[in-house]
Each structure stands twice: as C-alpha cells, then as structure tokens.
C-alpha cells in the first residue's frame, strides 16, 4: 500500500505557526480596516468572483436549484456556535460547479419568502445526498432552528472526518485543506478578517457569496478526499465509512439530547468551593506573613519567595512550584487548583446549558491524534474524578443514569496485542489482576498479595509497573512512584519482565513499525502519523525554517547535534520558525506503542457506542447515550428499564471488547445511578 507522502510545503497543525516573513523584526499590529457594508460587499464579490453563486429567496428558485444535482454540500451561517442558544442566519447548498445561499433569519434585507417547513420536504423529494464539513454542527442548527425533521438526514460525507482519518497531522480546517488539496491559489480569508458583526446583522444581498461558496467547497473537498481514501487507503476508508461517519450521527444525537444538570447542587458546590478558596487564601497569607498577598499575581509570587529566601523564580507555573519543597508552594498550588475547579466545574457549567439545566457539551470524535474523543463547551473529558463534581449530572425526572466502563481497558488491550500469556491468564481468572500478577512475579500466595493481604504493597508495585507500560515509564520515574531506589525499582521491573517477556517485544515491534512506516496503526487500521518518527520514509525533510539562511546552515551542520541545538535555540529567540524532525522523534519515540494501545481503545469504545445506538433492544428500552468519558459510556433511560438497559449496554460493550481482543473479557459492569458517581 502506498505511503502518504506530504509535500515539503504542506501546512500541518504543528507547522502552521511558522513565521511567514524572512525579516526578524516583529510585525507591527495594524488596526483592522473598518468598511461600510457597501465597501465590504464589493470586497466579498471580488474575493469570490471566480465562483458561480446565487442568492435564493423564492421557493421556485430553490426547487429549480435542487434539480441541478443529487449530491450537494450543506453549510450554515449562524450568530454563534451554540445551536441551542444562537440563531441561524441561513444555509447554503452547493454542487461541484455552483452554489446558492438561502437567507432565513437576517435582521435586514430580504429573507427566504417560501414556506420554510417545505425545505426539508424538497430535499427529501429530490433525494439530495448532503456533504458536510463538521457535519453535525450544521445539522444541529438545521434541526434545532429550521425543522426538527432534519434530524432524519444523515451525512453523505464529511470532509473533516475524511481529513482526520487520512492524516492526523493535517491542519484540518476547511480553508487550509481546500487550499492544499484543491486550489493552491485560493486567497486566504476568514470570518473575522471580513466581518465585524454577527452574520445575521448583514443584508444577505450584500454578503451572500461568503456563505454560498463554503457549501461548494464542502462537496468538492469531500468528493476528492473520499476518492483518495477509497483508492489509496482502502482500510482507512472502511474505518471512515463504517465507523467514523455513522458515529457522527450518534454523537450528534447525544449532543442535541444533552445531559441534565442539578442546578441546586451546582450552587451549593460553588459556595463550598468559595469557602475552600478563602481557607487556602488565609493559609497562604499567614505563611507569607502578608494579609494583602495575591497568589494569583506572578509578580507577587516571585517577590514573596525571594523575600523568604526560598528561591528566585523565573516562572511561577505549576512546574516551577512543584520543584520547591515549602508549605507556601503547596498551598499556592492547592489554592489555584480549587479556584480553577470552582470557576470551571460549578456555575461555569451553566454557560453551556439551557435554562432548564440541560447541558449540551460539544464532542469531537477525532479530537486527539490517537482517535480518542475530546470535548469543549464544557470539557466533559476533564470532569474531576471526584463525586462532588460527578454528582452535578443527574437523569431527567422518571429516569435513571446507567454507567458502564471498560475495566482496565488499555492494560487488557496491551495484554491482547502482545499475546502475553501471564497477563491474559490473570484477566481470565476473574480475580484481582494486580494481585495475581504480584503473586506470580514474587512467587507468593495470591491471598497474601490482595489489597488486604500481608504483601499488599507488592500489588501496588505491579500496578505501577503495568500502568506505566503504556507510557514507556523509565526506571527513574518508576522508582519515584514506588518510593524505592533506582536499583530496587530495576530489580522489581526485572521480575515483571521475566513473567511477561512478550511486553517489551511488543513495544519494540511497535517502534520498528512506526519508524519504517511513519505511523502507528490500531486494530481497526486507524493511523496516527508522527511528525518526527519515520519522517524519512514519508519523504519529509529533517529541517524546516522560515529563514533560508538558517535552513542552509542547519543542513550543513546536521551531524553536529550540539551545534544544531544551539542554532535552533538562537533562531527561536529571534522569532524565526525552525523545526528539527530528528529532535521531535526523540519525544515521539515513546508514543509508538502508546498510540497503538490508546487508538485501539478509541476503536473499541466508538464501536460499542455505534452498536448500542443501532441496537433494537436498546431502542425498546428507550435508552439514550448522554455522555462518553474516556472508557465509560453513560446512558439515560426510564427507571423501570434501568436494569435491562444496563445489562444490554454491558453485553454490547463486552462483546465488542472480546471481539477486538481475541476473546479476552472486557470487564464492563453496569452501575445504575440517580446521579453520576463512581463506587
């Protein structure tokens, strides 16, 4: 299978911050040019003069346009990013040759004069297949603000998902992707560079080309990337078509349905966090002997440590304070932690909810390079592992929440992929995995290695080692975790290696594969491309720089590691963009095996979500997915069906896990809840 060779000038997410100018002087900021609406209109029509576009305000015009093609791109223009709060201005449709904007709710000018409720019917009647870019965003606004029946239309293709599956290192924005793959001469622009107000406030007749053209780009880009994946990367195309594309509909339903929050508990918790903050602040001021000391001020933090003769700090971030062994440093870190929790995960959550308290976090199913979910507004993946915060999330009246999480998911995947007999046997025994491993490694009875056994500390040793495997933990870090000397830690690790020799062999195999291919690959053939590891086989240069002279020098001194490092440091100080892929590969090296394991875990969880969403029994039980948190899936259903729905979810998750792990049990057990919590 051919490898994906990126041209040297490709804009990646890592390199998009490069300095474009060769001059070393910093650019002067200029005030944004204020244009009248008429001047803005002239600029927009000029910018998009190469495209064929039109404004549609009549029903017969829309019907005529829909006859042009049975495949079109769809895009929406809105007043903001929250479908449940913000307004839709209108939507665009585009074929591969032309596009149209249909204004719906602009505050000025002429909006669509036809029956808005017939738009859905016409799209269905003409059997239009719709392409999108971050499809669920546009579907949200069409469903929530135009016609609820748009919930019944699934994406034909999604350019964002296609790009992320193709290569995680691409800058997966519509405009950079279109410029790279379709039209390298397209002029750069953005909403903020053109508009100073919400799109709803402009007369659509003056600005519609900006909106219309994106729909055409959606379908053109989707067609190109779909064909590229299908022809050159068939395994990745199957991953996209059979998992990621249908999953975006599952995630969309989860976002629109939302999750109920307990507003009363939020306010109570907020008050509690304020009290804790005040207590920490008083403690800090007593230690600092200054009742006016502000621990949030970097300047004051530097001054107080200097006055106490403890340290002269260049920085006052967490990393710097962790190095200081003094009660003041710990107190400041605790204060900052409580302050952040209080502002982010109490009343701050209400910003992302309806008045009723139903929150609609936004999930990005390809938000990380390994394929795991990320989430924003709010960040559900970062909810503190503290039941005080988990208890914020409750079922709607008459319902229950049910949670099932994969037990030790990544460790089980590691055991399965490495085909490690000792670990697999320990999991299949149904007993405490770490106690079993300790009893084998230290040749002691199982009972003595359990949590309450005589040698319980050995169970802890095995847990530290096993959990550290996925992150390539070295002996120094292991020694710190175990509270042992490096010699003692090395001896304990040697015992583990003797029992599980296949683990190191598996990690070595992952490294060799990544260096020879330039990417890591999961059980479902999801790829994570590296920026440094395997750069040669991907046809990428070792060095990049915005300054030709610096680049020339780097290539000349490439064999002198110390000279290269000094030049890189000096160039960065001068504001010159530089990159050394050889150096990057050192940091990425430990991610080779981890990417396989984490990515396979993402595959497993996503496949379970899709399978549950499609399950007829789950539908009969009126069960809906409301949250996805790492290896945990949380559903909501009527209270009378909670046990059945939980058993069904566990059955599906465990079945998917066993299928992807060659029969190894996945360990998922349902927990029925009146509020989200962990036992």
Foldseek 3Di string as FASTA:
>chain_A
DDFFFDPQPADWPVCVVFDQDQDLDDDDDDDADDDDLQRLLVVQCVQLVVAAEEEAQEPVVVLVVLLPDQEWEKDWAWQDQFLQPTATQWMKIAALHYIYTAGDQAPDAGHRPDDLQCPVVSNVVSNRAYFYALVLSRLSNCCSHGNVCSLVHAHPFYLLLLVCLSAVGHPSDLVSLCCRPPNVPRDDDDCVSRDDHGPSHHHCVRNVVVRTVVGSSRVVSRVVSLVCCVPPPVLSNCCCVVFVRVLSSQLSVLLNVFFAFDQVLLVVVLVVLVVVLVVLLVVLCVVLVHNPQDLVDFVSVQVSCVVVVQDRDPGLDLVVLVVGPDPNSVSSVVSVVSVCCSCQQGVVLCVQADPRRGGRWAWDQCPDLLRHIFIPSNTPQPQDQDVSRQQRTFHDPQKWKKKKFFDVQLLLLLCLLLVFPQQLVLLVVVDDSLLSLLCQLVVHDSQLCPCPHVNVLSSVLSVLVSVCLLQVDDLVVSCVSSVHDSVVSVVSVVSSCVNGVSNVVSLVVLLVVCQQRQWAAALSGRTRGDQQRNCVVSVHDQKDKSHPVLVVVCVVCVVPVVVNVVSVVVCVVSVIDMGGSNVRCVVCSSCRSSSHSLSNLSVLQSVLSSCLVPDPVLVVQVKGFNDDHRRMTMIMGRPVCRVVNQVVSLVSSQVSSCVSSVRRGRPIHMDIGRTDHDD
